[in-house]
C-alpha atoms as a PDB file:
ATOM      1  CA  MET A   1      -1.971 -26.309  18.592  1.00  0.00           C
ATOM      2  CA  ASN A   2      -3.324 -24.719  15.429  1.00  0.00           C
ATOM      3  CA  ASP A   3      -1.228 -21.600  16.041  1.00  0.00           C
ATOM      4  CA  PHE A   4       1.852 -23.761  16.566  1.00  0.00           C
ATOM      5  CA  MET A   5       1.240 -25.848  13.451  1.00  0.00           C
ATOM      6  CA  ARG A   6       0.893 -22.695  11.350  1.00  0.00           C
ATOM      7  CA  TYR A   7       4.659 -22.297  11.659  1.00  0.00           C
ATOM      8  CA  ASN A   8       5.122 -25.671  10.009  1.00  0.00           C
ATOM      9  CA  PRO A   9       7.574 -27.117  12.558  1.00  0.00           C
ATOM     10  CA  PRO A  10       9.797 -29.974  11.390  1.00  0.00           C
ATOM     11  CA  LYS A  11       8.849 -33.520  12.292  1.00  0.00           C
ATOM     12  CA  PHE A  12      10.951 -35.105  15.009  1.00  0.00           C
ATOM     13  CA  ASN A  13      12.865 -38.033  13.609  1.00  0.00           C
ATOM     14  CA  GLY A  14      15.097 -38.838  16.578  1.00  0.00           C
ATOM     15  CA  LYS A  15      18.194 -37.632  14.728  1.00  0.00           C
ATOM     16  CA  MET A  16      17.874 -34.016  15.732  1.00  0.00           C
ATOM     17  CA  SER A  17      20.554 -32.716  18.031  1.00  0.00           C
ATOM     18  CA  THR A  18      19.386 -30.315  20.725  1.00  0.00           C
ATOM     19  CA  ASN A  19      21.305 -28.832  23.589  1.00  0.00           C
ATOM     20  CA  GLU A  20      19.987 -28.516  27.154  1.00  0.00           C
ATOM     21  CA  GLY A  21      18.953 -24.878  26.643  1.00  0.00           C
ATOM     22  CA  GLN A  22      16.961 -25.738  23.530  1.00  0.00           C
ATOM     23  CA  LYS A  23      15.132 -28.539  25.320  1.00  0.00           C
ATOM     24  CA  LEU A  24      13.962 -26.079  27.996  1.00  0.00           C
ATOM     25  CA  GLU A  25      12.940 -23.532  25.362  1.00  0.00           C
ATOM     26  CA  TYR A  26      10.961 -26.086  23.368  1.00  0.00           C
ATOM     27  CA  ALA A  27       9.209 -27.567  26.385  1.00  0.00           C
ATOM     28  CA  THR A  28       8.190 -24.203  27.795  1.00  0.00           C
ATOM     29  CA  PHE A  29       7.136 -22.895  24.378  1.00  0.00           C
ATOM     30  CA  LEU A  30       4.768 -25.827  23.986  1.00  0.00           C
ATOM     31  CA  SER A  31       3.281 -25.394  27.477  1.00  0.00           C
ATOM     32  CA  ILE A  32      -0.274 -24.099  27.583  1.00  0.00           C
ATOM     33  CA  GLY A  33      -3.030 -23.705  30.124  1.00  0.00           C
ATOM     34  CA  GLU A  34      -2.319 -25.037  33.588  1.00  0.00           C
ATOM     35  CA  THR A  35       1.171 -26.173  32.629  1.00  0.00           C
ATOM     36  CA  GLU A  36       2.094 -22.697  31.422  1.00  0.00           C
ATOM     37  CA  TYR A  37       0.723 -21.220  34.662  1.00  0.00           C
ATOM     38  CA  TRP A  38       2.596 -23.841  36.731  1.00  0.00           C
ATOM     39  CA  TRP A  39       5.896 -23.088  34.973  1.00  0.00           C
ATOM     40  CA  GLY A  40       5.529 -19.335  35.509  1.00  0.00           C
ATOM     41  CA  GLY A  41       5.115 -19.895  39.247  1.00  0.00           C
ATOM     42  CA  MET A  42       7.896 -22.465  39.353  1.00  0.00           C
ATOM     43  CA  GLN A  43      10.300 -20.080  37.602  1.00  0.00           C
ATOM     44  CA  GLN A  44       9.562 -17.349  40.130  1.00  0.00           C
ATOM     45  CA  MET A  45      10.091 -19.751  43.017  1.00  0.00           C
ATOM     46  CA  MET A  46      13.371 -21.026  41.542  1.00  0.00           C
ATOM     47  CA  GLU A  47      14.659 -17.497  40.967  1.00  0.00           C
ATOM     48  CA  ALA A  48      13.782 -16.499  44.529  1.00  0.00           C
ATOM     49  CA  ARG A  49      15.727 -19.505  45.836  1.00  0.00           C
ATOM     50  CA  ASP A  50      18.689 -18.924  43.498  1.00  0.00           C
ATOM     51  CA  LYS A  51      18.117 -22.224  41.678  1.00  0.00           C
ATOM     52  CA  ALA A  52      19.325 -22.573  38.113  1.00  0.00           C
ATOM     53  CA  ILE A  53      16.569 -22.481  35.519  1.00  0.00           C
ATOM     54  CA  ASN A  54      17.737 -25.216  33.193  1.00  0.00           C
ATOM     55  CA  TRP A  55      16.520 -28.409  31.537  1.00  0.00           C
ATOM     56  CA  ALA A  56      17.599 -30.716  34.366  1.00  0.00           C
ATOM     57  CA  ASN A  57      15.766 -28.688  37.018  1.00  0.00           C
ATOM     58  CA  PHE A  58      12.701 -28.223  34.820  1.00  0.00           C
ATOM     59  CA  ARG A  59      12.536 -31.950  34.158  1.00  0.00           C
ATOM     60  CA  THR A  60      12.998 -32.841  37.817  1.00  0.00           C
ATOM     61  CA  ARG A  61      10.161 -30.563  38.877  1.00  0.00           C
ATOM     62  CA  PHE A  62       7.897 -31.444  35.964  1.00  0.00           C
ATOM     63  CA  MET A  63       8.263 -35.183  36.427  1.00  0.00           C
ATOM     64  CA  GLY A  64       8.343 -34.842  40.233  1.00  0.00           C
END
């Protein structure tokens, strides 16, 4: 978290507009530890099964 905060990210105020690709990028960028490991394996599995790697599929699997 300290490394992340060094970049002085903007505060989320609910008015920011993000597209589906950005949501996936942000979520995976913030993943650490077991979650980062889980996502790496999940990406490989999805690629092997020709599943789209996008926000909707990430969210479905993450919340699953």
